[in-house]
Amino acid sequence: MSGGDPAGRLVRPFTLTGGRTRPSRADFTLITTVTAVDPPPAGAARPQPEHLRILRHCARPVAVAELAAHLDLPVSVIVIMLCDLLEAGRITARPPREVSGVPDLELLQKVRDGLARL
């Protein structure tokens, strides 16, 4: 069970998602950064306990993969729950920055040379 949760996981993952197996959105990748919205939107319903655990871990920006590891839950379950939180206005999601298409040849040569010295 989760190292950060002394009580361990009490609920099976499929019950956390209400039996859903697919996220309602395609916004999330393993490296999407999520952050809890503080304060929560006016009139927001009280989240479920597992959603609260996610929100606590999202007090600072965290990647989806890191969040799944911290909570000891499958990434697919985390993504479905993040969709719920995003739609409720409880988190923001920032996709990874796109990398320029032009590689830095000088940097690549330095990396190659460094690896050759190992």
N, C-alpha and C. Protein backbone atom coordinates (compact mmCIF):
# COMPACT_ATOMS: atom_id res chain seq x y z
N MET A 1 0.84 -1.19 0.00
CA MET A 1 0.00 0.00 0.00
C MET A 1 0.87 1.24 0.00
N SER A 2 0.27 2.37 -0.03
CA SER A 2 0.99 3.63 -0.14
C SER A 2 1.84 3.89 1.09
N GLY A 3 3.11 4.28 0.86
CA GLY A 3 4.00 4.59 1.96
C GLY A 3 3.58 5.82 2.72
N GLY A 4 2.92 6.77 2.06
CA GLY A 4 2.51 8.00 2.71
C GLY A 4 1.14 7.92 3.37
N ASP A 5 0.48 6.79 3.27
CA ASP A 5 -0.86 6.64 3.82
C ASP A 5 -0.86 5.46 4.78
N PRO A 6 -0.76 5.72 6.11
CA PRO A 6 -0.64 4.63 7.07
C PRO A 6 -1.83 3.68 7.07
N ALA A 7 -3.00 4.13 6.69
CA ALA A 7 -4.17 3.27 6.68
C ALA A 7 -4.19 2.36 5.47
N GLY A 8 -3.38 2.67 4.46
CA GLY A 8 -3.39 1.87 3.24
C GLY A 8 -4.60 2.20 2.39
N ARG A 9 -4.62 1.63 1.20
CA ARG A 9 -5.73 1.88 0.28
C ARG A 9 -6.92 1.03 0.72
N LEU A 10 -8.04 1.68 0.98
CA LEU A 10 -9.23 0.99 1.44
C LEU A 10 -10.22 0.71 0.33
N VAL A 11 -10.05 1.38 -0.81
CA VAL A 11 -11.01 1.29 -1.90
C VAL A 11 -10.29 0.82 -3.15
N ARG A 12 -10.91 -0.08 -3.89
CA ARG A 12 -10.31 -0.55 -5.13
C ARG A 12 -10.32 0.57 -6.18
N PRO A 13 -9.29 0.60 -7.03
CA PRO A 13 -9.19 1.70 -8.01
C PRO A 13 -10.43 1.90 -8.88
N PHE A 14 -11.10 0.82 -9.32
CA PHE A 14 -12.25 1.01 -10.20
C PHE A 14 -13.40 1.71 -9.49
N THR A 15 -13.46 1.61 -8.16
CA THR A 15 -14.52 2.31 -7.45
C THR A 15 -14.21 3.80 -7.33
N LEU A 16 -12.92 4.15 -7.37
CA LEU A 16 -12.53 5.56 -7.31
C LEU A 16 -12.98 6.32 -8.54
N THR A 17 -13.10 5.60 -9.65
CA THR A 17 -13.48 6.24 -10.91
C THR A 17 -14.96 6.02 -11.23
N GLY A 18 -15.70 5.45 -10.31
CA GLY A 18 -17.11 5.17 -10.57
C GLY A 18 -17.29 4.14 -11.67
N GLY A 19 -16.31 3.25 -11.81
CA GLY A 19 -16.38 2.22 -12.84
C GLY A 19 -15.91 2.69 -14.21
N ARG A 20 -15.59 3.98 -14.34
CA ARG A 20 -15.13 4.49 -15.64
C ARG A 20 -13.74 3.97 -15.94
N THR A 21 -13.49 3.66 -17.20
CA THR A 21 -12.18 3.15 -17.60
C THR A 21 -11.45 4.10 -18.53
N ARG A 22 -12.14 5.14 -18.97
CA ARG A 22 -11.53 6.11 -19.88
C ARG A 22 -11.75 7.52 -19.35
N PRO A 23 -10.74 8.37 -19.49
CA PRO A 23 -10.90 9.76 -19.06
C PRO A 23 -11.87 10.50 -19.97
N SER A 24 -12.48 11.54 -19.43
CA SER A 24 -13.42 12.34 -20.22
C SER A 24 -12.71 13.34 -21.12
N ARG A 25 -11.41 13.49 -20.93
CA ARG A 25 -10.61 14.44 -21.71
C ARG A 25 -9.31 13.78 -22.11
N ALA A 26 -8.65 14.36 -23.09
CA ALA A 26 -7.36 13.83 -23.53
C ALA A 26 -6.22 14.79 -23.21
N ASP A 27 -6.41 15.66 -22.21
CA ASP A 27 -5.43 16.70 -21.88
C ASP A 27 -4.18 16.17 -21.18
N PHE A 28 -4.27 15.02 -20.54
CA PHE A 28 -3.22 14.61 -19.63
C PHE A 28 -2.25 13.61 -20.25
N THR A 29 -0.96 13.93 -20.10
CA THR A 29 0.11 12.99 -20.43
C THR A 29 0.85 12.72 -19.13
N LEU A 30 1.82 11.86 -19.17
CA LEU A 30 2.59 11.56 -17.96
C LEU A 30 3.32 12.78 -17.41
N ILE A 31 3.66 13.72 -18.28
CA ILE A 31 4.43 14.88 -17.82
C ILE A 31 3.61 16.17 -17.78
N THR A 32 2.30 16.06 -17.92
CA THR A 32 1.43 17.22 -17.71
C THR A 32 1.57 17.65 -16.26
N THR A 33 1.68 18.94 -16.02
CA THR A 33 1.82 19.46 -14.66
C THR A 33 0.46 19.93 -14.18
N VAL A 34 0.07 19.48 -12.98
CA VAL A 34 -1.20 19.88 -12.40
C VAL A 34 -0.96 20.62 -11.09
N THR A 35 -1.83 21.59 -10.81
CA THR A 35 -1.73 22.40 -9.60
C THR A 35 -3.13 22.64 -9.07
N ALA A 36 -3.29 22.52 -7.76
CA ALA A 36 -4.59 22.77 -7.13
C ALA A 36 -4.92 24.25 -7.20
N VAL A 37 -6.19 24.56 -7.41
CA VAL A 37 -6.67 25.93 -7.42
C VAL A 37 -6.95 26.32 -5.97
N ASP A 38 -6.37 27.44 -5.57
CA ASP A 38 -6.55 27.90 -4.19
C ASP A 38 -6.96 29.36 -4.21
N PRO A 39 -8.07 29.73 -3.68
CA PRO A 39 -9.08 28.90 -3.02
C PRO A 39 -9.93 28.19 -4.04
N PRO A 40 -10.66 27.15 -3.58
CA PRO A 40 -11.54 26.43 -4.51
C PRO A 40 -12.62 27.35 -5.07
N PRO A 41 -13.15 27.04 -6.24
CA PRO A 41 -14.20 27.87 -6.82
C PRO A 41 -15.41 27.97 -5.89
N ALA A 42 -16.07 29.11 -5.92
CA ALA A 42 -17.27 29.31 -5.10
C ALA A 42 -18.32 28.27 -5.46
N GLY A 43 -18.93 27.69 -4.46
CA GLY A 43 -19.99 26.71 -4.68
C GLY A 43 -19.50 25.32 -5.07
N ALA A 44 -18.19 25.11 -5.01
CA ALA A 44 -17.66 23.80 -5.38
C ALA A 44 -18.07 22.75 -4.35
N ALA A 45 -18.48 21.61 -4.84
CA ALA A 45 -18.86 20.51 -3.95
C ALA A 45 -17.63 19.96 -3.25
N ARG A 46 -17.84 19.41 -2.07
CA ARG A 46 -16.73 18.82 -1.33
C ARG A 46 -16.26 17.57 -2.06
N PRO A 47 -14.97 17.51 -2.36
CA PRO A 47 -14.46 16.34 -3.11
C PRO A 47 -14.43 15.08 -2.24
N GLN A 48 -14.37 13.94 -2.92
CA GLN A 48 -14.23 12.65 -2.26
C GLN A 48 -12.85 12.55 -1.60
N PRO A 49 -12.66 11.64 -0.64
CA PRO A 49 -11.36 11.52 0.05
C PRO A 49 -10.17 11.35 -0.88
N GLU A 50 -10.30 10.53 -1.91
CA GLU A 50 -9.17 10.34 -2.83
C GLU A 50 -8.89 11.60 -3.63
N HIS A 51 -9.94 12.35 -3.98
CA HIS A 51 -9.74 13.62 -4.66
C HIS A 51 -9.01 14.59 -3.73
N LEU A 52 -9.33 14.56 -2.45
CA LEU A 52 -8.65 15.42 -1.48
C LEU A 52 -7.17 15.07 -1.38
N ARG A 53 -6.86 13.78 -1.43
CA ARG A 53 -5.45 13.36 -1.42
C ARG A 53 -4.71 13.94 -2.63
N ILE A 54 -5.36 13.89 -3.78
CA ILE A 54 -4.75 14.46 -4.99
C ILE A 54 -4.53 15.95 -4.80
N LEU A 55 -5.54 16.65 -4.32
CA LEU A 55 -5.43 18.09 -4.14
C LEU A 55 -4.31 18.46 -3.18
N ARG A 56 -4.13 17.68 -2.12
CA ARG A 56 -3.03 17.96 -1.18
C ARG A 56 -1.68 17.84 -1.87
N HIS A 57 -1.53 16.84 -2.72
CA HIS A 57 -0.26 16.65 -3.43
C HIS A 57 -0.06 17.70 -4.52
N CYS A 58 -1.15 18.34 -4.95
CA CYS A 58 -1.07 19.34 -6.02
C CYS A 58 -0.97 20.76 -5.48
N ALA A 59 -0.68 20.92 -4.20
CA ALA A 59 -0.53 22.27 -3.65
C ALA A 59 0.57 23.01 -4.41
N ARG A 60 1.56 22.30 -4.85
CA ARG A 60 2.62 22.82 -5.73
C ARG A 60 2.53 22.03 -7.03
N PRO A 61 2.99 22.59 -8.13
CA PRO A 61 2.90 21.86 -9.41
C PRO A 61 3.55 20.48 -9.33
N VAL A 62 2.87 19.49 -9.88
CA VAL A 62 3.36 18.12 -9.87
C VAL A 62 2.97 17.45 -11.17
N ALA A 63 3.84 16.59 -11.68
CA ALA A 63 3.56 15.86 -12.92
C ALA A 63 2.60 14.71 -12.63
N VAL A 64 1.82 14.34 -13.62
CA VAL A 64 0.84 13.26 -13.48
C VAL A 64 1.53 11.97 -13.04
N ALA A 65 2.64 11.61 -13.64
CA ALA A 65 3.35 10.37 -13.29
C ALA A 65 3.83 10.41 -11.84
N GLU A 66 4.33 11.54 -11.41
CA GLU A 66 4.79 11.69 -10.04
C GLU A 66 3.63 11.56 -9.06
N LEU A 67 2.51 12.13 -9.41
CA LEU A 67 1.32 12.06 -8.57
C LEU A 67 0.85 10.61 -8.42
N ALA A 68 0.84 9.87 -9.51
CA ALA A 68 0.45 8.45 -9.46
C ALA A 68 1.40 7.67 -8.57
N ALA A 69 2.68 7.96 -8.65
CA ALA A 69 3.66 7.26 -7.81
C ALA A 69 3.46 7.60 -6.33
N HIS A 70 3.25 8.87 -6.03
CA HIS A 70 3.03 9.28 -4.63
C HIS A 70 1.79 8.63 -4.03
N LEU A 71 0.74 8.52 -4.82
CA LEU A 71 -0.53 7.99 -4.32
C LEU A 71 -0.67 6.48 -4.49
N ASP A 72 0.33 5.85 -5.14
CA ASP A 72 0.32 4.41 -5.35
C ASP A 72 -0.96 3.96 -6.05
N LEU A 73 -1.30 4.69 -7.11
CA LEU A 73 -2.47 4.37 -7.93
C LEU A 73 -2.04 4.30 -9.39
N PRO A 74 -2.74 3.51 -10.20
CA PRO A 74 -2.42 3.47 -11.63
C PRO A 74 -2.61 4.85 -12.27
N VAL A 75 -1.77 5.16 -13.24
CA VAL A 75 -1.87 6.44 -13.95
C VAL A 75 -3.25 6.61 -14.56
N SER A 76 -3.83 5.54 -15.09
CA SER A 76 -5.15 5.65 -15.71
C SER A 76 -6.20 6.11 -14.71
N VAL A 77 -6.12 5.64 -13.49
CA VAL A 77 -7.07 6.05 -12.45
C VAL A 77 -6.83 7.51 -12.07
N ILE A 78 -5.57 7.89 -11.93
CA ILE A 78 -5.24 9.28 -11.59
C ILE A 78 -5.77 10.22 -12.67
N VAL A 79 -5.59 9.86 -13.94
CA VAL A 79 -6.03 10.73 -15.03
C VAL A 79 -7.55 10.91 -15.00
N ILE A 80 -8.28 9.85 -14.75
CA ILE A 80 -9.75 9.97 -14.68
C ILE A 80 -10.14 10.90 -13.54
N MET A 81 -9.48 10.75 -12.40
CA MET A 81 -9.79 11.60 -11.25
C MET A 81 -9.36 13.05 -11.50
N LEU A 82 -8.24 13.24 -12.20
CA LEU A 82 -7.80 14.59 -12.54
C LEU A 82 -8.80 15.26 -13.48
N CYS A 83 -9.37 14.49 -14.39
CA CYS A 83 -10.41 15.04 -15.28
C CYS A 83 -11.58 15.57 -14.45
N ASP A 84 -11.99 14.79 -13.44
CA ASP A 84 -13.07 15.24 -12.56
C ASP A 84 -12.71 16.56 -11.89
N LEU A 85 -11.50 16.63 -11.37
CA LEU A 85 -11.06 17.84 -10.65
C LEU A 85 -10.92 19.03 -11.59
N LEU A 86 -10.44 18.79 -12.81
CA LEU A 86 -10.30 19.88 -13.78
C LEU A 86 -11.67 20.41 -14.18
N GLU A 87 -12.61 19.51 -14.43
CA GLU A 87 -13.96 19.93 -14.81
C GLU A 87 -14.69 20.64 -13.67
N ALA A 88 -14.31 20.33 -12.43
CA ALA A 88 -14.91 21.00 -11.26
C ALA A 88 -14.20 22.31 -10.94
N GLY A 89 -13.14 22.64 -11.70
CA GLY A 89 -12.40 23.88 -11.45
C GLY A 89 -11.48 23.82 -10.25
N ARG A 90 -11.14 22.61 -9.81
CA ARG A 90 -10.31 22.45 -8.61
C ARG A 90 -8.81 22.40 -8.90
N ILE A 91 -8.43 22.14 -10.17
CA ILE A 91 -7.02 22.12 -10.55
C ILE A 91 -6.83 22.83 -11.88
N THR A 92 -5.59 23.19 -12.15
CA THR A 92 -5.21 23.64 -13.48
C THR A 92 -4.24 22.60 -14.04
N ALA A 93 -4.22 22.45 -15.33
CA ALA A 93 -3.32 21.51 -15.99
C ALA A 93 -2.52 22.26 -17.04
N ARG A 94 -1.22 22.04 -17.01
CA ARG A 94 -0.35 22.70 -17.98
C ARG A 94 0.39 21.63 -18.77
N PRO A 95 0.16 21.58 -20.07
CA PRO A 95 0.84 20.58 -20.89
C PRO A 95 2.34 20.87 -20.93
N PRO A 96 3.13 19.87 -21.26
CA PRO A 96 4.58 20.10 -21.36
C PRO A 96 4.89 21.11 -22.45
N ARG A 97 5.95 21.87 -22.23
CA ARG A 97 6.38 22.84 -23.24
C ARG A 97 6.92 22.10 -24.45
N GLU A 98 6.60 22.64 -25.60
CA GLU A 98 7.14 22.04 -26.82
C GLU A 98 8.60 22.44 -26.96
N VAL A 99 9.38 21.48 -27.42
CA VAL A 99 10.80 21.69 -27.63
C VAL A 99 11.00 22.12 -29.07
N SER A 100 11.92 23.05 -29.28
CA SER A 100 12.17 23.50 -30.64
C SER A 100 12.64 22.32 -31.48
N GLY A 101 12.32 22.34 -32.75
CA GLY A 101 12.64 21.24 -33.65
C GLY A 101 14.09 21.20 -34.07
N VAL A 102 14.88 22.23 -33.74
CA VAL A 102 16.26 22.28 -34.19
C VAL A 102 17.18 21.84 -33.05
N PRO A 103 17.87 20.69 -33.19
CA PRO A 103 18.77 20.23 -32.13
C PRO A 103 20.03 21.10 -32.08
N ASP A 104 20.56 21.23 -30.90
CA ASP A 104 21.81 21.97 -30.70
C ASP A 104 22.96 21.00 -30.95
N LEU A 105 23.57 21.08 -32.15
CA LEU A 105 24.61 20.12 -32.52
C LEU A 105 25.82 20.20 -31.61
N GLU A 106 26.17 21.37 -31.17
CA GLU A 106 27.33 21.53 -30.28
C GLU A 106 27.07 20.79 -28.96
N LEU A 107 25.88 20.94 -28.42
CA LEU A 107 25.54 20.27 -27.17
C LEU A 107 25.53 18.75 -27.38
N LEU A 108 24.97 18.29 -28.48
CA LEU A 108 24.96 16.85 -28.75
C LEU A 108 26.37 16.28 -28.88
N GLN A 109 27.28 17.04 -29.49
CA GLN A 109 28.66 16.57 -29.61
C GLN A 109 29.33 16.51 -28.24
N LYS A 110 29.05 17.47 -27.37
CA LYS A 110 29.61 17.45 -26.02
C LYS A 110 29.09 16.25 -25.24
N VAL A 111 27.82 15.94 -25.39
CA VAL A 111 27.24 14.77 -24.72
C VAL A 111 27.90 13.51 -25.25
N ARG A 112 28.03 13.40 -26.57
CA ARG A 112 28.68 12.23 -27.18
C ARG A 112 30.10 12.07 -26.67
N ASP A 113 30.86 13.17 -26.62
CA ASP A 113 32.23 13.11 -26.15
C ASP A 113 32.29 12.71 -24.68
N GLY A 114 31.38 13.25 -23.88
CA GLY A 114 31.35 12.88 -22.48
C GLY A 114 31.03 11.41 -22.27
N LEU A 115 30.10 10.90 -23.06
CA LEU A 115 29.75 9.47 -22.96
C LEU A 115 30.92 8.59 -23.41
N ALA A 116 31.65 9.05 -24.40
CA ALA A 116 32.80 8.28 -24.91
C ALA A 116 33.88 8.19 -23.83
N ARG A 117 34.00 9.21 -22.99
CA ARG A 117 35.02 9.20 -21.92
C ARG A 117 34.66 8.26 -20.78
N LEU A 118 33.40 7.88 -20.69
CA LEU A 118 32.98 6.97 -19.62
C LEU A 118 33.50 5.61 -19.93
